[in-house]
Amino acid sequence: MAIRPFMGDVVLAPAARTATASSGPVAAAGQATVAVLLVHCSAASGTTPTLDVALEQSADGSSWSAVTGGAATQLTAAGNRVATASITSNYVRATATIGGTTPSFTFAASIAFLAS
């Protein structure tokens, strides 16, 4: 079995966030069929804080839809999450939804691709 090339980048840089955020589009056109979402959360605060991070894909970089299986397990405290999903479009991004009462999360998200 040959080892497949692996490439990726940080798409949401480490920062404290209190509201929903989305990364910019990452071009994967013809380069990959599998995306790996990596989330590292170093701090969480607020009353019942929740952090949901997921992958979205787009054919044109402007109309986005959820990637089936591309959502990381919800975080309610510091921790790490990984989600792996098949992608079928040219662009991928990460979205982070923050909930709770006065929530704050310090986290980063990266997307890595496995070449076809």
C-alpha atoms as a PDB file:
ATOM      1  CA  MET A   1       0.000   0.000   0.000  1.00  0.00           C
ATOM      2  CA  ALA A   2       1.373   3.394  -0.978  1.00  0.00           C
ATOM      3  CA  ILE A   3       1.225   6.362   1.388  1.00  0.00           C
ATOM      4  CA  ARG A   4      -1.059   9.117   0.087  1.00  0.00           C
ATOM      5  CA  PRO A   5       0.057  12.762   0.107  1.00  0.00           C
ATOM      6  CA  PHE A   6      -1.364  14.875   2.936  1.00  0.00           C
ATOM      7  CA  MET A   7      -1.731  18.680   2.899  1.00  0.00           C
ATOM      8  CA  GLY A   8      -3.546  21.228   5.007  1.00  0.00           C
ATOM      9  CA  ASP A   9      -3.544  24.504   6.886  1.00  0.00           C
ATOM     10  CA  VAL A  10      -4.974  26.359   9.870  1.00  0.00           C
ATOM     11  CA  VAL A  11      -8.256  27.905   8.695  1.00  0.00           C
ATOM     12  CA  LEU A  12      -9.418  29.506  11.955  1.00  0.00           C
ATOM     13  CA  ALA A  13      -6.342  30.802  13.792  1.00  0.00           C
ATOM     14  CA  PRO A  14      -6.115  30.388  17.577  1.00  0.00           C
ATOM     15  CA  ALA A  15      -8.266  33.091  19.177  1.00  0.00           C
ATOM     16  CA  ALA A  16     -10.940  33.675  21.800  1.00  0.00           C
ATOM     17  CA  ARG A  17     -14.345  33.802  20.107  1.00  0.00           C
ATOM     18  CA  THR A  18     -17.811  34.613  21.418  1.00  0.00           C
ATOM     19  CA  ALA A  19     -19.799  34.390  18.167  1.00  0.00           C
ATOM     20  CA  THR A  20     -20.247  32.144  15.159  1.00  0.00           C
ATOM     21  CA  ALA A  21     -17.360  32.215  12.658  1.00  0.00           C
ATOM     22  CA  SER A  22     -16.512  30.772   9.251  1.00  0.00           C
ATOM     23  CA  SER A  23     -13.142  30.352   7.606  1.00  0.00           C
ATOM     24  CA  GLY A  24     -12.385  31.460   4.099  1.00  0.00           C
ATOM     25  CA  PRO A  25     -12.678  28.888   1.326  1.00  0.00           C
ATOM     26  CA  VAL A  26      -9.873  26.394   0.843  1.00  0.00           C
ATOM     27  CA  ALA A  27      -9.480  25.210  -2.747  1.00  0.00           C
ATOM     28  CA  ALA A  28      -9.453  21.438  -3.072  1.00  0.00           C
ATOM     29  CA  ALA A  29     -10.349  21.199  -6.755  1.00  0.00           C
ATOM     30  CA  GLY A  30      -9.155  17.874  -8.103  1.00  0.00           C
ATOM     31  CA  GLN A  31      -6.641  17.584  -5.279  1.00  0.00           C
ATOM     32  CA  ALA A  32      -8.491  15.576  -2.661  1.00  0.00           C
ATOM     33  CA  THR A  33     -11.517  13.436  -1.916  1.00  0.00           C
ATOM     34  CA  VAL A  34     -11.155  13.288   1.869  1.00  0.00           C
ATOM     35  CA  ALA A  35     -11.054  16.243   4.274  1.00  0.00           C
ATOM     36  CA  VAL A  36      -9.999  16.022   7.917  1.00  0.00           C
ATOM     37  CA  LEU A  37     -11.211  18.693  10.350  1.00  0.00           C
ATOM     38  CA  LEU A  38      -8.993  19.174  13.419  1.00  0.00           C
ATOM     39  CA  VAL A  39     -10.223  21.331  16.317  1.00  0.00           C
ATOM     40  CA  HIS A  40      -8.135  22.314  19.359  1.00  0.00           C
ATOM     41  CA  CYS A  41      -9.950  24.182  22.140  1.00  0.00           C
ATOM     42  CA  SER A  42      -7.754  25.428  24.992  1.00  0.00           C
ATOM     43  CA  ALA A  43     -10.408  27.268  27.052  1.00  0.00           C
ATOM     44  CA  ALA A  44     -14.182  27.546  27.438  1.00  0.00           C
ATOM     45  CA  SER A  45     -16.286  29.748  29.686  1.00  0.00           C
ATOM     46  CA  GLY A  46     -19.849  30.927  30.184  1.00  0.00           C
ATOM     47  CA  THR A  47     -23.021  29.195  31.298  1.00  0.00           C
ATOM     48  CA  THR A  48     -23.568  25.928  29.397  1.00  0.00           C
ATOM     49  CA  PRO A  49     -21.202  26.938  26.548  1.00  0.00           C
ATOM     50  CA  THR A  50     -21.286  24.864  23.354  1.00  0.00           C
ATOM     51  CA  LEU A  51     -18.987  24.825  20.337  1.00  0.00           C
ATOM     52  CA  ASP A  52     -19.960  23.044  17.135  1.00  0.00           C
ATOM     53  CA  VAL A  53     -17.387  22.987  14.314  1.00  0.00           C
ATOM     54  CA  ALA A  54     -18.155  21.444  10.930  1.00  0.00           C
ATOM     55  CA  LEU A  55     -17.040  21.269   7.317  1.00  0.00           C
ATOM     56  CA  GLU A  56     -18.985  22.857   4.478  1.00  0.00           C
ATOM     57  CA  GLN A  57     -18.338  22.536   0.740  1.00  0.00           C
ATOM     58  CA  SER A  58     -19.091  24.600  -2.330  1.00  0.00           C
ATOM     59  CA  ALA A  59     -18.749  24.232  -6.079  1.00  0.00           C
ATOM     60  CA  ASP A  60     -18.237  27.986  -6.575  1.00  0.00           C
ATOM     61  CA  GLY A  61     -16.915  29.326  -3.248  1.00  0.00           C
ATOM     62  CA  SER A  62     -20.101  31.261  -2.486  1.00  0.00           C
ATOM     63  CA  SER A  63     -23.011  28.808  -2.006  1.00  0.00           C
ATOM     64  CA  TRP A  64     -22.237  26.435   0.884  1.00  0.00           C
ATOM     65  CA  SER A  65     -23.711  23.155   2.137  1.00  0.00           C
ATOM     66  CA  ALA A  66     -22.849  20.857   5.023  1.00  0.00           C
ATOM     67  CA  VAL A  67     -20.481  17.956   4.341  1.00  0.00           C
ATOM     68  CA  THR A  68     -22.099  14.678   5.371  1.00  0.00           C
ATOM     69  CA  GLY A  69     -20.151  13.314   8.337  1.00  0.00           C
ATOM     70  CA  GLY A  70     -18.067  16.501   8.529  1.00  0.00           C
ATOM     71  CA  ALA A  71     -19.182  17.703  11.966  1.00  0.00           C
ATOM     72  CA  ALA A  72     -16.923  17.321  14.976  1.00  0.00           C
ATOM     73  CA  THR A  73     -18.464  16.155  18.263  1.00  0.00           C
ATOM     74  CA  GLN A  74     -19.680  19.166  20.260  1.00  0.00           C
ATOM     75  CA  LEU A  75     -17.269  20.741  22.738  1.00  0.00           C
ATOM     76  CA  THR A  76     -18.471  22.129  26.084  1.00  0.00           C
ATOM     77  CA  ALA A  77     -15.001  22.487  27.634  1.00  0.00           C
ATOM     78  CA  ALA A  78     -11.360  22.496  26.549  1.00  0.00           C
ATOM     79  CA  GLY A  79     -10.471  19.503  24.359  1.00  0.00           C
ATOM     80  CA  ASN A  80      -9.733  18.225  20.879  1.00  0.00           C
ATOM     81  CA  ARG A  81     -11.993  16.899  18.148  1.00  0.00           C
ATOM     82  CA  VAL A  82     -11.461  15.315  14.719  1.00  0.00           C
ATOM     83  CA  ALA A  83     -13.947  14.691  11.915  1.00  0.00           C
ATOM     84  CA  THR A  84     -13.203  12.993   8.596  1.00  0.00           C
ATOM     85  CA  ALA A  85     -15.480  13.189   5.574  1.00  0.00           C
ATOM     86  CA  SER A  86     -15.587  12.654   1.823  1.00  0.00           C
ATOM     87  CA  ILE A  87     -15.780  15.829  -0.229  1.00  0.00           C
ATOM     88  CA  THR A  88     -17.190  16.251  -3.709  1.00  0.00           C
ATOM     89  CA  SER A  89     -16.843  19.991  -4.392  1.00  0.00           C
ATOM     90  CA  ASN A  90     -14.036  22.368  -5.321  1.00  0.00           C
ATOM     91  CA  TYR A  91     -13.975  24.368  -2.069  1.00  0.00           C
ATOM     92  CA  VAL A  92     -14.148  23.504   1.629  1.00  0.00           C
ATOM     93  CA  ARG A  93     -14.407  25.697   4.746  1.00  0.00           C
ATOM     94  CA  ALA A  94     -14.866  25.313   8.489  1.00  0.00           C
ATOM     95  CA  THR A  95     -17.790  26.847  10.357  1.00  0.00           C
ATOM     96  CA  ALA A  96     -17.965  27.277  14.119  1.00  0.00           C
ATOM     97  CA  THR A  97     -21.248  27.827  15.959  1.00  0.00           C
ATOM     98  CA  ILE A  98     -21.023  29.043  19.548  1.00  0.00           C
ATOM     99  CA  GLY A  99     -23.963  28.789  21.933  1.00  0.00           C
ATOM    100  CA  GLY A 100     -24.814  29.229  25.586  1.00  0.00           C
ATOM    101  CA  THR A 101     -25.095  32.210  27.919  1.00  0.00           C
ATOM    102  CA  THR A 102     -22.116  34.588  27.544  1.00  0.00           C
ATOM    103  CA  PRO A 103     -20.014  31.813  25.963  1.00  0.00           C
ATOM    104  CA  SER A 104     -16.368  32.160  25.027  1.00  0.00           C
ATOM    105  CA  PHE A 105     -14.097  29.580  23.438  1.00  0.00           C
ATOM    106  CA  THR A 106     -10.397  29.857  22.674  1.00  0.00           C
ATOM    107  CA  PHE A 107      -9.842  27.483  19.773  1.00  0.00           C
ATOM    108  CA  ALA A 108      -8.241  26.840  16.409  1.00  0.00           C
ATOM    109  CA  ALA A 109      -9.446  24.758  13.473  1.00  0.00           C
ATOM    110  CA  SER A 110      -7.421  23.201  10.674  1.00  0.00           C
ATOM    111  CA  ILE A 111      -8.415  21.366   7.524  1.00  0.00           C
ATOM    112  CA  ALA A 112      -6.182  18.698   6.056  1.00  0.00           C
ATOM    113  CA  PHE A 113      -6.701  16.896   2.760  1.00  0.00           C
ATOM    114  CA  LEU A 114      -5.773  13.413   1.625  1.00  0.00           C
ATOM    115  CA  ALA A 115      -4.934  13.377  -2.049  1.00  0.00           C
ATOM    116  CA  SER A 116      -7.041  11.268  -4.362  1.00  0.00           C
END
